[in-house]
Protein backbone atom coordinates (compact mmCIF):
# COMPACT_ATOMS: atom_id res chain seq x y z
CA UNK A 1 -158.77 59.55 41.96
CA UNK A 2 -157.04 57.72 45.18
CA UNK A 3 -154.09 60.46 44.79
CA UNK A 4 -153.53 64.05 44.60
CA UNK A 5 -150.67 66.46 44.01
CA UNK A 6 -149.66 68.93 46.21
CA UNK A 7 -148.87 72.42 46.01
CA UNK A 8 -146.13 74.13 48.40
CA UNK A 9 -144.40 71.22 49.20
CA UNK A 10 -141.20 71.76 47.28
CA UNK A 11 -140.19 74.23 44.66
CA UNK A 12 -138.63 72.44 42.08
CA UNK A 13 -139.85 69.00 42.43
CA UNK A 14 -143.66 67.20 42.33
CA UNK A 15 -145.00 66.37 45.45
CA UNK A 16 -148.19 64.25 45.76
CA UNK A 17 -150.36 62.38 48.47
CA UNK A 18 -151.70 58.77 47.74
CA UNK A 19 -154.51 57.08 49.73
CA UNK A 20 -156.34 53.80 49.71
CA UNK A 21 -158.42 51.53 52.02
CA UNK A 22 -155.37 49.09 51.85
CA UNK A 23 -151.53 49.32 51.97
CA UNK A 24 -151.81 47.73 48.51
CA UNK A 25 -153.94 49.90 47.44
CA UNK A 26 -151.71 53.17 48.59
CA UNK A 27 -148.33 51.81 46.96
CA UNK A 28 -150.70 51.04 43.55
CA UNK A 29 -152.31 54.71 43.93
CA UNK A 30 -148.27 55.98 44.49
CA UNK A 31 -147.07 54.28 41.38
CA UNK A 32 -150.27 55.52 39.55
CA UNK A 33 -149.38 59.26 40.52
CA UNK A 34 -146.06 58.45 39.42
CA UNK A 35 -146.76 57.33 36.04
CA UNK A 36 -149.19 60.01 35.71
CA UNK A 37 -145.93 62.75 36.24
CA UNK A 38 -144.41 61.26 33.05
CA UNK A 39 -147.05 60.48 31.33
CA UNK A 40 -150.14 62.60 30.39
CA UNK A 41 -151.99 59.94 28.58
CA UNK A 42 -151.38 56.89 31.14
CA UNK A 43 -154.69 55.31 29.58
CA UNK A 44 -152.85 54.67 26.57
CA UNK A 45 -150.23 52.26 28.85
CA UNK A 46 -151.22 49.06 27.10
CA UNK A 47 -150.77 45.68 29.15
CA UNK A 48 -148.06 43.96 26.28
CA UNK A 49 -145.08 43.74 29.20
CA UNK A 50 -145.43 41.79 32.38
CA UNK A 51 -142.53 42.26 34.92
CA UNK A 52 -142.59 40.77 38.51
CA UNK A 53 -140.90 42.90 41.18
CA UNK A 54 -139.25 41.87 44.26
CA UNK A 55 -138.43 44.17 47.13
CA UNK A 56 -136.38 42.26 49.86
CA UNK A 57 -135.21 44.62 52.95
CA UNK A 58 -132.35 43.31 54.03
CA UNK A 59 -132.80 45.44 57.21
CA UNK A 60 -135.89 44.40 58.83
CA UNK A 61 -133.99 44.14 62.05
CA UNK A 62 -132.93 47.21 62.16
CA UNK A 63 -136.33 49.55 61.51
CA UNK A 64 -137.78 49.94 64.76
CA UNK A 65 -141.62 50.44 63.55
CA UNK A 66 -143.80 48.75 60.81
CA UNK A 67 -144.47 52.15 59.53
CA UNK A 68 -140.75 53.02 58.98
CA UNK A 69 -140.64 49.11 56.89
CA UNK A 70 -143.49 50.05 54.93
CA UNK A 71 -141.99 53.79 53.94
CA UNK A 72 -138.44 51.46 52.62
CA UNK A 73 -140.94 48.77 50.37
CA UNK A 74 -142.80 52.17 48.63
CA UNK A 75 -139.70 53.93 48.46
CA UNK A 76 -137.67 51.08 47.15
CA UNK A 77 -140.65 50.17 44.88
CA UNK A 78 -141.31 53.20 43.24
CA UNK A 79 -137.29 53.59 42.50
CA UNK A 80 -137.52 50.29 41.05
CA UNK A 81 -140.57 51.29 38.55
CA UNK A 82 -137.71 54.68 37.35
CA UNK A 83 -134.87 51.84 36.96
CA UNK A 84 -137.27 49.96 34.28
CA UNK A 85 -138.31 53.38 32.43
CA UNK A 86 -134.37 54.22 32.42
CA UNK A 87 -132.71 51.20 31.46
CA UNK A 88 -135.28 49.04 29.39
CA UNK A 89 -137.64 52.09 28.66
CA UNK A 90 -140.18 50.18 29.87
CA UNK A 91 -143.92 52.13 31.40
CA UNK A 92 -145.54 50.36 34.34
CA UNK A 93 -148.31 50.46 35.79
CA UNK A 94 -148.89 47.90 39.58
CA UNK A 95 -151.63 45.75 38.75
CA UNK A 96 -151.03 43.12 41.99
CA UNK A 97 -149.00 44.05 44.79
CA UNK A 98 -148.53 41.22 47.28
CA UNK A 99 -146.34 41.68 50.86
CA UNK A 100 -144.46 39.24 52.51
CA UNK A 101 -143.93 38.72 56.35
CA UNK A 102 -140.81 37.33 58.22
CA UNK A 103 -140.80 34.48 61.29
CA UNK A 104 -141.81 37.00 63.48
CA UNK A 105 -145.04 38.45 61.56
CA UNK A 106 -142.91 41.84 60.41
CA UNK A 107 -143.85 42.79 56.60
CA UNK A 108 -140.34 42.24 55.18
CA UNK A 109 -140.96 42.03 51.48
CA UNK A 110 -143.64 42.85 48.73
CA UNK A 111 -144.16 41.45 45.36
CA UNK A 112 -145.66 43.66 42.54
CA UNK A 113 -147.29 42.11 38.64
CA UNK A 114 -146.44 45.24 36.89
CA UNK A 115 -148.11 45.62 33.21
CA UNK A 116 -147.35 48.04 30.77
CA UNK A 117 -144.88 48.82 27.09
CA UNK A 118 -141.90 50.21 25.85
CA UNK A 119 -142.59 53.82 25.91
CA UNK A 120 -143.78 54.37 21.98
CA UNK A 121 -143.31 58.71 21.03
CA UNK A 122 -146.26 58.03 18.44
CA UNK A 123 -148.77 56.36 21.21
CA UNK A 124 -146.89 57.73 25.18
CA UNK A 125 -146.87 61.38 25.43
CA UNK A 126 -144.34 62.27 27.47
CA UNK A 127 -144.29 64.94 30.17
CA UNK A 128 -141.60 65.09 32.61
CA UNK A 129 -138.48 62.92 33.09
CA UNK A 130 -138.78 61.66 37.08
CA UNK A 131 -135.06 61.22 38.20
CA UNK A 132 -135.58 59.82 41.63
CA UNK A 133 -138.10 59.65 44.36
CA UNK A 134 -136.53 61.93 47.36
CA UNK A 135 -136.81 61.19 50.79
CA UNK A 136 -137.68 64.82 51.75
CA UNK A 137 -141.77 65.01 53.07
CA UNK A 138 -141.40 60.85 52.07
CA UNK A 139 -143.83 59.03 54.63
CA UNK A 140 -146.86 56.41 54.95
CA UNK A 141 -149.44 56.81 57.73
CA UNK A 142 -152.70 54.86 58.73
CA UNK A 143 -155.52 57.25 58.96
CA UNK A 144 -159.22 56.22 60.11
CA UNK A 145 -159.88 55.65 56.34
CA UNK A 146 -157.23 53.61 55.75
CA UNK A 147 -153.65 54.76 54.48
CA UNK A 148 -152.19 57.67 53.08
CA UNK A 149 -148.37 58.06 51.66
CA UNK A 150 -146.81 61.58 50.92
CA UNK A 151 -143.80 61.73 48.14
CA UNK A 152 -142.02 64.00 46.79
CA UNK A 153 -140.71 63.28 42.71
CA UNK A 154 -137.18 64.65 41.72
CA UNK A 155 -137.56 66.13 38.47
C-alpha cells in the first residue's frame, strides 16, 4: 500500500502519508488514501465515468520553490476530487497524471484522468464524509526513495 494513516497528528481529522517513486505516484496514492477514507470498499468502484481534471496554477511566479508548486497542485487536485463527490456524487480514482511546465521549465499545471462512478449505496459502503483537505501539516518532500506527501483531511 503506497499510503499509511498517521496517529497523533490530529484529534478530530484523519492524517496520512503517501509515497511514490515519482511525483505522479504520490499524487495517485494520495487520491487513493482520500478515497479509502470515504469508501470502505474502494475496489467496488467501477470505471464507468471518465473525468479529466486540469489544475493550472496562476501564481507560479509567487511560489519560490518547486516543492511549493507541487504542494499547491496536490492540494487543489485532492480538493477537486472532493468537489466531484459533493457536486456530482462521483467517486473517482486517479488513473493517469501528467505534469506540465511553463516556458522556464517550472511545474505549473497537472492533467489527471480519473475514472469512477456515481455513488451507489447498494454497492459503495460509505465510511466518512470528507469535507476538505486542510493545510495543517500539509506537505510534499523528495526523499532518497522518491516522494512523500503528508495530508490532513477534515472529516
